[in-house]
Amino acid sequence: MALFDRLFSKGKKDKKIDSFEKITLNLSGMRYMTEFELLMKDGKAEVSQYGFKFVPGKDQRVLQKRVTCDAQTALELLNGCNVLSWDGFYGAHPRGVKDGTMFTLKATVNEGKSIYASGSQNFPRNFDEFTDGLHKILSDEGK
């Protein structure tokens, strides 16, 4: 980062995600649990989806699909959905809703910044677009 940028960006929040180390998105409902994981490996984004096998005393994580895509594809999805703004989001379960989906997002981006968001049938803006984008990357084999 140039000296000028460092001087004048002091105290300003990051506006976008430039890099990521690891991002996990856990989704669960009454009868399912799934996890998406994005890892940066050798300049590429590895996108995985896991299901869970329920066995007495322990839930077993089972890989369902894994693809590698260009890091730029993953960054465009993250920034297009403004995932950085989700940090600190807590979506309380709406009154009167008896069922639903719970989520937890944990991310390490921009060389050490942590993002944490969670909710129960109450999601941050662009959440559906983000999960749709993950499914698209996985179904398009990372293309």
C-alpha atoms as a PDB file:
ATOM      1  CA  MET A   1       0.000   0.000   0.000  1.00  0.00           C
ATOM      2  CA  ALA A   2       1.396   3.388  -0.947  1.00  0.00           C
ATOM      3  CA  LEU A   3       2.248   5.887   1.785  1.00  0.00           C
ATOM      4  CA  PHE A   4      -0.533   8.214   0.610  1.00  0.00           C
ATOM      5  CA  ASP A   5      -3.097   5.410   0.865  1.00  0.00           C
ATOM      6  CA  ARG A   6      -1.923   4.446   4.354  1.00  0.00           C
ATOM      7  CA  LEU A   7      -2.059   8.039   5.612  1.00  0.00           C
ATOM      8  CA  PHE A   8      -5.504   8.823   4.308  1.00  0.00           C
ATOM      9  CA  SER A   9      -7.175   5.478   4.938  1.00  0.00           C
ATOM     10  CA  LYS A  10      -6.271   5.500   8.637  1.00  0.00           C
ATOM     11  CA  GLY A  11      -9.363   4.794  10.688  1.00  0.00           C
ATOM     12  CA  LYS A  12     -11.506   4.013   7.651  1.00  0.00           C
ATOM     13  CA  LYS A  13     -13.133   0.634   7.479  1.00  0.00           C
ATOM     14  CA  ASP A  14     -12.256  -1.791   4.718  1.00  0.00           C
ATOM     15  CA  LYS A  15     -14.665  -1.297   1.857  1.00  0.00           C
ATOM     16  CA  LYS A  16     -14.093  -4.598   0.099  1.00  0.00           C
ATOM     17  CA  ILE A  17     -12.485  -7.982   0.436  1.00  0.00           C
ATOM     18  CA  ASP A  18      -9.149  -8.106  -1.393  1.00  0.00           C
ATOM     19  CA  SER A  19      -8.111 -11.536  -0.148  1.00  0.00           C
ATOM     20  CA  PHE A  20      -9.316 -14.325   2.081  1.00  0.00           C
ATOM     21  CA  GLU A  21      -7.771 -17.193   3.968  1.00  0.00           C
ATOM     22  CA  LYS A  22     -10.809 -19.196   5.095  1.00  0.00           C
ATOM     23  CA  ILE A  23     -14.552 -18.709   5.037  1.00  0.00           C
ATOM     24  CA  THR A  24     -17.099 -21.137   6.472  1.00  0.00           C
ATOM     25  CA  LEU A  25     -20.855 -20.889   6.205  1.00  0.00           C
ATOM     26  CA  ASN A  26     -22.863 -23.347   8.287  1.00  0.00           C
ATOM     27  CA  LEU A  27     -26.564 -23.821   7.585  1.00  0.00           C
ATOM     28  CA  SER A  28     -28.849 -25.990   9.665  1.00  0.00           C
ATOM     29  CA  GLY A  29     -32.511 -26.737   9.980  1.00  0.00           C
ATOM     30  CA  MET A  30     -34.762 -29.255  11.621  1.00  0.00           C
ATOM     31  CA  ARG A  31     -33.406 -32.231   9.675  1.00  0.00           C
ATOM     32  CA  TYR A  32     -30.278 -31.045   7.901  1.00  0.00           C
ATOM     33  CA  MET A  33     -26.872 -29.470   8.314  1.00  0.00           C
ATOM     34  CA  THR A  34     -24.572 -28.329   5.531  1.00  0.00           C
ATOM     35  CA  GLU A  35     -21.332 -26.407   5.462  1.00  0.00           C
ATOM     36  CA  PHE A  36     -19.659 -24.422   2.710  1.00  0.00           C
ATOM     37  CA  GLU A  37     -15.954 -23.766   2.977  1.00  0.00           C
ATOM     38  CA  LEU A  38     -13.802 -21.451   0.870  1.00  0.00           C
ATOM     39  CA  LEU A  39     -10.035 -21.713   1.193  1.00  0.00           C
ATOM     40  CA  MET A  40      -7.344 -19.807  -0.647  1.00  0.00           C
ATOM     41  CA  LYS A  41      -4.777 -22.300  -1.948  1.00  0.00           C
ATOM     42  CA  ASP A  42      -1.926 -21.358  -4.272  1.00  0.00           C
ATOM     43  CA  GLY A  43      -3.772 -18.327  -5.619  1.00  0.00           C
ATOM     44  CA  LYS A  44      -6.939 -20.302  -6.337  1.00  0.00           C
ATOM     45  CA  ALA A  45     -10.167 -20.595  -4.382  1.00  0.00           C
ATOM     46  CA  GLU A  46     -11.098 -24.082  -3.218  1.00  0.00           C
ATOM     47  CA  VAL A  47     -14.857 -24.266  -2.641  1.00  0.00           C
ATOM     48  CA  SER A  48     -16.245 -27.265  -0.763  1.00  0.00           C
ATOM     49  CA  GLN A  49     -19.662 -28.370   0.397  1.00  0.00           C
ATOM     50  CA  TYR A  50     -20.066 -30.792   3.279  1.00  0.00           C
ATOM     51  CA  GLY A  51     -23.058 -32.654   4.581  1.00  0.00           C
ATOM     52  CA  PHE A  52     -23.283 -34.235   8.001  1.00  0.00           C
ATOM     53  CA  LYS A  53     -23.896 -37.837   8.867  1.00  0.00           C
ATOM     54  CA  PHE A  54     -25.563 -38.197  12.230  1.00  0.00           C
ATOM     55  CA  VAL A  55     -24.174 -40.993  14.360  1.00  0.00           C
ATOM     56  CA  PRO A  56     -24.783 -41.419  18.087  1.00  0.00           C
ATOM     57  CA  GLY A  57     -22.607 -39.057  20.083  1.00  0.00           C
ATOM     58  CA  LYS A  58     -21.014 -37.336  17.090  1.00  0.00           C
ATOM     59  CA  ASP A  59     -21.858 -35.577  13.831  1.00  0.00           C
ATOM     60  CA  GLN A  60     -19.567 -36.672  11.032  1.00  0.00           C
ATOM     61  CA  ARG A  61     -18.676 -34.120   8.330  1.00  0.00           C
ATOM     62  CA  VAL A  62     -18.817 -35.693   4.847  1.00  0.00           C
ATOM     63  CA  LEU A  63     -17.446 -34.022   1.708  1.00  0.00           C
ATOM     64  CA  GLN A  64     -20.169 -33.772  -0.946  1.00  0.00           C
ATOM     65  CA  LYS A  65     -18.428 -31.688  -3.593  1.00  0.00           C
ATOM     66  CA  ARG A  66     -15.210 -29.717  -4.048  1.00  0.00           C
ATOM     67  CA  VAL A  67     -14.120 -27.500  -6.918  1.00  0.00           C
ATOM     68  CA  THR A  68     -11.303 -25.086  -7.533  1.00  0.00           C
ATOM     69  CA  CYS A  69     -12.011 -21.764  -9.203  1.00  0.00           C
ATOM     70  CA  ASP A  70     -10.186 -18.564  -9.971  1.00  0.00           C
ATOM     71  CA  ALA A  71      -9.759 -16.457  -6.818  1.00  0.00           C
ATOM     72  CA  GLN A  72     -11.297 -13.511  -8.668  1.00  0.00           C
ATOM     73  CA  THR A  73     -14.565 -15.446  -9.081  1.00  0.00           C
ATOM     74  CA  ALA A  74     -14.807 -15.973  -5.312  1.00  0.00           C
ATOM     75  CA  LEU A  75     -13.840 -12.354  -4.576  1.00  0.00           C
ATOM     76  CA  GLU A  76     -16.480 -11.061  -7.003  1.00  0.00           C
ATOM     77  CA  LEU A  77     -19.114 -13.148  -5.200  1.00  0.00           C
ATOM     78  CA  LEU A  78     -17.972 -11.977  -1.749  1.00  0.00           C
ATOM     79  CA  ASN A  79     -17.872  -8.311  -2.759  1.00  0.00           C
ATOM     80  CA  GLY A  80     -20.985  -8.456  -4.929  1.00  0.00           C
ATOM     81  CA  CYS A  81     -22.903  -9.686  -1.880  1.00  0.00           C
ATOM     82  CA  ASN A  82     -21.097  -7.203   0.397  1.00  0.00           C
ATOM     83  CA  VAL A  83     -20.118  -9.955   2.848  1.00  0.00           C
ATOM     84  CA  LEU A  84     -17.698  -7.593   4.605  1.00  0.00           C
ATOM     85  CA  SER A  85     -20.694  -5.593   5.876  1.00  0.00           C
ATOM     86  CA  TRP A  86     -22.120  -8.700   7.550  1.00  0.00           C
ATOM     87  CA  ASP A  87     -19.592  -8.543  10.390  1.00  0.00           C
ATOM     88  CA  GLY A  88     -21.457  -8.376  13.701  1.00  0.00           C
ATOM     89  CA  PHE A  89     -24.828  -9.246  12.149  1.00  0.00           C
ATOM     90  CA  TYR A  90     -27.121 -11.147  14.484  1.00  0.00           C
ATOM     91  CA  GLY A  91     -30.514 -12.047  13.069  1.00  0.00           C
ATOM     92  CA  ALA A  92     -32.795 -12.958  15.960  1.00  0.00           C
ATOM     93  CA  HIS A  93     -35.422 -15.587  15.223  1.00  0.00           C
ATOM     94  CA  PRO A  94     -38.663 -13.850  14.172  1.00  0.00           C
ATOM     95  CA  ARG A  95     -41.559 -14.087  16.596  1.00  0.00           C
ATOM     96  CA  GLY A  96     -44.198 -16.592  15.537  1.00  0.00           C
ATOM     97  CA  VAL A  97     -41.910 -18.556  13.187  1.00  0.00           C
ATOM     98  CA  LYS A  98     -41.811 -22.149  14.417  1.00  0.00           C
ATOM     99  CA  ASP A  99     -39.168 -23.527  12.059  1.00  0.00           C
ATOM    100  CA  GLY A 100     -36.432 -22.190   9.855  1.00  0.00           C
ATOM    101  CA  THR A 101     -32.814 -22.120   8.898  1.00  0.00           C
ATOM    102  CA  MET A 102     -29.994 -21.078  11.195  1.00  0.00           C
ATOM    103  CA  PHE A 103     -26.668 -19.850   9.853  1.00  0.00           C
ATOM    104  CA  THR A 104     -23.211 -18.974  11.073  1.00  0.00           C
ATOM    105  CA  LEU A 105     -20.564 -17.336   8.909  1.00  0.00           C
ATOM    106  CA  LYS A 106     -16.936 -17.137  10.046  1.00  0.00           C
ATOM    107  CA  ALA A 107     -14.296 -15.616   7.807  1.00  0.00           C
ATOM    108  CA  THR A 108     -10.723 -14.440   7.843  1.00  0.00           C
ATOM    109  CA  VAL A 109     -10.163 -11.887   5.093  1.00  0.00           C
ATOM    110  CA  ASN A 110      -7.778  -9.080   4.103  1.00  0.00           C
ATOM    111  CA  GLU A 111      -4.800 -10.626   5.878  1.00  0.00           C
ATOM    112  CA  GLY A 112      -6.319 -11.180   9.299  1.00  0.00           C
ATOM    113  CA  LYS A 113      -9.637  -9.337   9.570  1.00  0.00           C
ATOM    114  CA  SER A 114     -12.326 -11.570  11.112  1.00  0.00           C
ATOM    115  CA  ILE A 115     -15.957 -11.555  10.078  1.00  0.00           C
ATOM    116  CA  TYR A 116     -18.639 -13.215  12.184  1.00  0.00           C
ATOM    117  CA  ALA A 117     -22.361 -13.259  11.477  1.00  0.00           C
ATOM    118  CA  SER A 118     -25.210 -15.489  12.605  1.00  0.00           C
ATOM    119  CA  GLY A 119     -28.947 -15.697  12.598  1.00  0.00           C
ATOM    120  CA  SER A 120     -32.054 -17.824  12.708  1.00  0.00           C
ATOM    121  CA  GLN A 121     -34.480 -17.331   9.823  1.00  0.00           C
ATOM    122  CA  ASN A 122     -33.204 -13.763   9.698  1.00  0.00           C
ATOM    123  CA  PHE A 123     -30.382 -13.060   7.254  1.00  0.00           C
ATOM    124  CA  PRO A 124     -28.142 -10.184   6.166  1.00  0.00           C
ATOM    125  CA  ARG A 125     -28.771  -8.421   2.859  1.00  0.00           C
ATOM    126  CA  ASN A 126     -27.723 -10.504  -0.189  1.00  0.00           C
ATOM    127  CA  PHE A 127     -27.564 -13.739   1.805  1.00  0.00           C
ATOM    128  CA  ASP A 128     -29.646 -15.673  -0.729  1.00  0.00           C
ATOM    129  CA  GLU A 129     -27.516 -14.344  -3.590  1.00  0.00           C
ATOM    130  CA  PHE A 130     -24.398 -15.483  -1.743  1.00  0.00           C
ATOM    131  CA  THR A 131     -25.658 -19.040  -1.207  1.00  0.00           C
ATOM    132  CA  ASP A 132     -26.957 -19.139  -4.801  1.00  0.00           C
ATOM    133  CA  GLY A 133     -23.494 -18.059  -5.978  1.00  0.00           C
ATOM    134  CA  LEU A 134     -21.804 -20.816  -3.971  1.00  0.00           C
ATOM    135  CA  HIS A 135     -24.169 -23.391  -5.497  1.00  0.00           C
ATOM    136  CA  LYS A 136     -23.435 -22.002  -8.978  1.00  0.00           C
ATOM    137  CA  ILE A 137     -19.661 -22.233  -8.493  1.00  0.00           C
ATOM    138  CA  LEU A 138     -20.072 -25.825  -7.302  1.00  0.00           C
ATOM    139  CA  SER A 139     -22.463 -26.821 -10.099  1.00  0.00           C
ATOM    140  CA  ASP A 140     -20.374 -25.138 -12.809  1.00  0.00           C
ATOM    141  CA  GLU A 141     -17.307 -27.059 -11.625  1.00  0.00           C
ATOM    142  CA  GLY A 142     -15.600 -23.794 -10.701  1.00  0.00           C
ATOM    143  CA  LYS A 143     -15.933 -22.159 -14.120  1.00  0.00           C
END
